[in-house]
Amino acid sequence: MLAQYKGRRSSSMCPSTMGRSPCCEKAHTNRGAWTKEEDQLLIAYIKAHGEGCWRSLPKAAGLQRCGKSCRLRWINYLRPDLKRGNFTGEEDELIIKLHRMIGNKWSVIAGRLPGRTDNEIKNYWNTHIKRKLIARGIDPKTHLPIDGCSDHSALSSDRQTVSVAAAPQSEETLQPSVENRLQTICFCYRLGFQGSEACSCHKSYTKSFVSFQYPPLEEGQQA
């Protein structure tokens, strides 16, 4: 019997009916554009008392607004440290760098740009920086080169690899080492029986070269 009610909440358990009033009450709050008088009331209150709790601030400041509306109005338009005007080139590059690292976390990015708001940076990204990256041949989502640019780079790399592989080798590389040559000399040649039927040495080795390394035995000399 209790299983079918598991996970459900009754009206007495909801936060709005447990003594906590909702942020906005339609009958008592304004939803239109902010007036100059409302801006002055909000500025004067925060200068005198600080931001404090946004939920209780509107009533204390004499505003018919919800706490969220007051917070956004202050952060995005009224706070004194806001920057006005166009973004600088340094700000553009910092936004691009941070977006490449953390993505669309605009509030975190705004924390690294004093005087700029998250909503302002988001709008600027969508209207300006995206176009700038595309003009550079960079995908704004992945920050990787667009296909045409990456193919060109890969082609250049392949050409360099082919040129290195096709380069002629030096004579020292092509010629076998002395040790490799000596390993091909048969045992009969070392004993002085070169040219016999049992000798299987390569004909290309000269007697002077072999005699210098392995002199043949003379008559009367013991092996």
Protein backbone atom coordinates (compact mmCIF):
# COMPACT_ATOMS: atom_id res chain seq x y z
CA MET A 1 0.00 0.00 0.00
CA LEU A 2 2.81 2.38 0.90
CA ALA A 3 4.85 1.43 -2.17
CA GLN A 4 2.56 3.26 -4.60
CA TYR A 5 3.10 6.52 -2.69
CA LYS A 6 6.87 6.12 -2.44
CA GLY A 7 8.74 9.07 -3.94
CA ARG A 8 5.67 11.34 -3.99
CA ARG A 9 5.36 14.59 -2.08
CA SER A 10 2.24 15.96 -0.53
CA SER A 11 1.40 19.65 -0.67
CA SER A 12 2.42 20.02 2.96
CA MET A 13 5.98 18.89 2.10
CA CYS A 14 6.68 21.38 -0.71
CA PRO A 15 8.99 24.31 0.12
CA SER A 16 6.41 26.88 -1.01
CA THR A 17 3.97 25.64 1.64
CA MET A 18 6.48 25.12 4.44
CA GLY A 19 6.83 28.77 5.45
CA ARG A 20 9.18 29.76 2.59
CA SER A 21 7.61 32.17 0.12
CA PRO A 22 8.47 31.83 -3.57
CA CYS A 23 10.90 34.29 -5.16
CA CYS A 24 8.31 35.92 -7.39
CA GLU A 25 4.69 36.54 -6.54
CA LYS A 26 2.84 37.69 -9.64
CA ALA A 27 0.37 39.82 -7.72
CA HIS A 28 3.08 41.88 -5.99
CA THR A 29 6.04 42.17 -8.40
CA ASN A 30 6.81 44.16 -11.50
CA ARG A 31 7.96 42.23 -14.57
CA GLY A 32 8.57 45.03 -17.04
CA ALA A 33 11.64 47.13 -17.75
CA TRP A 34 13.41 48.74 -14.84
CA THR A 35 12.80 52.44 -14.29
CA LYS A 36 15.38 55.02 -13.22
CA GLU A 37 13.66 55.33 -9.85
CA GLU A 38 13.99 51.56 -9.26
CA ASP A 39 17.65 51.65 -10.25
CA GLN A 40 18.31 54.46 -7.78
CA LEU A 41 16.55 52.60 -4.98
CA LEU A 42 18.59 49.45 -5.64
CA ILE A 43 21.89 51.34 -5.89
CA ALA A 44 21.23 53.34 -2.72
CA TYR A 45 20.30 50.25 -0.71
CA ILE A 46 23.33 48.20 -1.78
CA LYS A 47 25.69 51.11 -1.13
CA ALA A 48 24.29 51.43 2.38
CA HIS A 49 23.82 47.77 3.33
CA GLY A 50 25.68 45.63 0.78
CA GLU A 51 24.19 42.91 -1.33
CA GLY A 52 23.19 40.58 1.50
CA CYS A 53 20.34 38.17 0.86
CA TRP A 54 18.75 38.78 -2.51
CA ARG A 55 15.49 37.17 -1.46
CA SER A 56 14.85 39.70 1.30
CA LEU A 57 16.54 42.66 -0.41
CA PRO A 58 13.62 43.86 -2.59
CA LYS A 59 11.26 44.35 0.32
CA ALA A 60 13.94 46.04 2.41
CA ALA A 61 14.82 48.37 -0.49
CA GLY A 62 11.19 49.23 -1.19
CA LEU A 63 11.13 47.52 -4.59
CA GLN A 64 8.28 45.56 -6.12
CA ARG A 65 10.72 43.13 -7.71
CA CYS A 66 11.82 39.58 -7.02
CA GLY A 67 15.27 38.83 -5.65
CA LYS A 68 16.49 37.27 -8.90
CA SER A 69 15.51 40.33 -10.90
CA CYS A 70 17.36 42.60 -8.47
CA ARG A 71 20.47 40.43 -8.55
CA LEU A 72 20.63 40.32 -12.35
CA ARG A 73 19.95 44.05 -12.63
CA TRP A 74 22.79 44.84 -10.26
CA ILE A 75 25.33 42.39 -11.66
CA ASN A 76 24.69 43.05 -15.34
CA TYR A 77 23.93 46.79 -15.37
CA LEU A 78 24.36 48.73 -12.14
CA ARG A 79 27.48 47.59 -10.28
CA PRO A 80 30.19 50.26 -10.45
CA ASP A 81 33.05 48.02 -11.63
CA LEU A 82 31.38 47.13 -14.93
CA LYS A 83 33.39 47.82 -18.06
CA ARG A 84 31.72 49.82 -20.78
CA GLY A 85 32.62 49.71 -24.43
CA ASN A 86 34.08 47.20 -26.84
CA PHE A 87 36.20 44.21 -25.90
CA THR A 88 39.93 44.59 -26.37
CA GLY A 89 42.16 42.25 -28.36
CA GLU A 90 43.66 40.91 -25.13
CA GLU A 91 40.18 40.10 -23.83
CA ASP A 92 39.33 38.32 -27.08
CA GLU A 93 42.38 36.07 -26.87
CA LEU A 94 41.76 35.33 -23.18
CA ILE A 95 38.15 34.35 -23.90
CA ILE A 96 39.32 32.05 -26.71
CA LYS A 97 41.94 30.46 -24.47
CA LEU A 98 39.52 29.89 -21.59
CA HIS A 99 36.79 28.56 -23.88
CA ARG A 100 39.26 26.07 -25.34
CA MET A 101 40.00 24.84 -21.80
CA ILE A 102 36.58 24.81 -20.10
CA GLY A 103 33.97 25.29 -22.84
CA ASN A 104 30.76 27.29 -22.35
CA LYS A 105 31.23 28.02 -18.64
CA TRP A 106 30.54 31.72 -19.06
CA SER A 107 30.35 32.56 -15.35
CA VAL A 108 33.82 31.05 -14.79
CA ILE A 109 35.19 32.92 -17.80
CA ALA A 110 33.63 36.15 -16.53
CA GLY A 111 35.48 35.65 -13.25
CA ARG A 112 38.76 35.97 -15.17
CA LEU A 113 37.69 39.15 -16.96
CA PRO A 114 37.07 41.88 -14.36
CA GLY A 115 34.17 44.13 -15.21
CA ARG A 116 32.61 41.75 -17.73
CA THR A 117 29.45 39.73 -17.14
CA ASP A 118 28.77 36.16 -18.14
CA ASN A 119 25.82 37.15 -20.30
CA GLU A 120 27.86 39.85 -22.01
CA ILE A 121 30.69 37.42 -22.79
CA LYS A 122 28.26 34.79 -24.07
CA ASN A 123 26.62 37.26 -26.47
CA TYR A 124 30.00 38.54 -27.62
CA TRP A 125 31.18 35.00 -28.28
CA ASN A 126 28.17 34.18 -30.45
CA THR A 127 28.24 37.44 -32.42
CA HIS A 128 31.95 38.17 -32.86
CA ILE A 129 34.49 35.58 -31.69
CA LYS A 130 32.93 32.67 -33.57
CA ARG A 131 33.35 34.56 -36.83
CA LYS A 132 36.92 35.45 -35.95
CA LEU A 133 37.84 31.80 -35.34
CA ILE A 134 36.18 30.65 -38.55
CA ALA A 135 38.13 33.29 -40.46
CA ARG A 136 41.31 31.80 -38.97
CA GLY A 137 40.31 28.34 -40.15
CA ILE A 138 39.49 27.09 -36.63
CA ASP A 139 36.32 25.30 -35.55
CA PRO A 140 34.74 27.35 -32.69
CA LYS A 141 33.40 24.21 -30.99
CA THR A 142 36.49 22.00 -31.01
CA HIS A 143 39.20 24.66 -31.51
CA LEU A 144 40.76 22.34 -34.10
CA PRO A 145 41.67 23.26 -37.68
CA ILE A 146 38.83 23.03 -40.16
CA ASP A 147 39.13 20.06 -42.57
CA GLY A 148 40.61 21.98 -45.48
CA CYS A 149 43.44 23.41 -43.36
CA SER A 150 44.25 20.10 -41.67
CA ASP A 151 44.41 18.30 -45.03
CA HIS A 152 46.88 20.88 -46.33
CA SER A 153 49.12 20.39 -43.30
CA ALA A 154 48.97 16.63 -43.63
CA LEU A 155 49.88 16.88 -47.32
CA SER A 156 52.93 19.01 -46.53
CA SER A 157 54.02 16.50 -43.88
CA ASP A 158 53.64 13.62 -46.33
CA ARG A 159 55.73 15.43 -48.91
CA GLN A 160 58.53 15.94 -46.41
CA THR A 161 58.46 12.26 -45.48
CA VAL A 162 58.65 11.20 -49.12
CA SER A 163 61.55 13.56 -49.84
CA VAL A 164 63.54 12.18 -46.91
CA ALA A 165 62.88 8.58 -47.93
CA ALA A 166 63.91 9.26 -51.54
CA ALA A 167 67.18 11.01 -50.62
CA PRO A 168 70.31 9.16 -51.91
CA GLN A 169 72.37 7.35 -49.33
CA SER A 170 76.08 7.97 -48.86
CA GLU A 171 78.74 5.54 -50.06
CA GLU A 172 79.61 4.65 -46.47
CA THR A 173 76.02 3.56 -45.87
CA LEU A 174 75.81 1.54 -49.08
CA GLN A 175 79.18 -0.21 -48.71
CA PRO A 176 79.36 -3.11 -46.25
CA SER A 177 81.65 -2.73 -43.29
CA VAL A 178 85.04 -4.41 -43.03
CA GLU A 179 83.75 -6.77 -40.36
CA ASN A 180 80.91 -7.94 -42.61
CA ARG A 181 83.38 -8.52 -45.45
CA LEU A 182 85.73 -10.56 -43.31
CA GLN A 183 82.89 -12.78 -42.17
CA THR A 184 82.41 -13.94 -45.77
CA ILE A 185 86.03 -15.21 -46.13
CA CYS A 186 86.09 -18.98 -45.95
CA PHE A 187 88.35 -21.10 -43.78
CA CYS A 188 90.41 -22.40 -46.76
CA TYR A 189 91.42 -18.89 -47.74
CA ARG A 190 92.68 -18.21 -44.23
CA LEU A 191 94.93 -21.28 -44.42
CA GLY A 192 96.45 -20.13 -47.70
CA PHE A 193 94.55 -22.46 -50.05
CA GLN A 194 92.91 -19.70 -52.02
CA GLY A 195 91.82 -20.65 -55.51
CA SER A 196 91.43 -24.33 -54.68
CA GLU A 197 88.27 -26.25 -55.30
CA ALA A 198 87.43 -26.12 -51.58
CA CYS A 199 87.81 -22.33 -51.49
CA SER A 200 84.42 -20.62 -51.67
CA CYS A 201 85.48 -17.00 -51.10
CA HIS A 202 83.91 -14.26 -53.10
CA LYS A 203 86.09 -13.42 -56.10
CA SER A 204 85.70 -9.69 -55.54
CA TYR A 205 88.13 -9.66 -52.60
CA THR A 206 91.67 -8.95 -53.66
CA LYS A 207 94.68 -10.92 -52.41
CA SER A 208 96.29 -7.79 -51.10
CA PHE A 209 93.32 -7.01 -48.89
CA VAL A 210 93.07 -10.55 -47.53
CA SER A 211 96.77 -11.07 -47.16
CA PHE A 212 96.92 -7.93 -45.07
CA GLN A 213 94.29 -9.21 -42.71
CA TYR A 214 95.02 -12.93 -42.84
CA PRO A 215 98.51 -13.71 -44.31
CA PRO A 216 98.79 -17.19 -45.86
CA LEU A 217 101.03 -19.77 -44.23
CA GLU A 218 104.50 -20.20 -45.71
CA GLU A 219 106.25 -23.50 -46.21
CA GLY A 220 107.76 -24.91 -43.07
CA GLN A 221 105.55 -22.72 -40.84
CA GLN A 222 103.28 -24.56 -38.47
CA ALA A 223 99.62 -23.66 -38.29
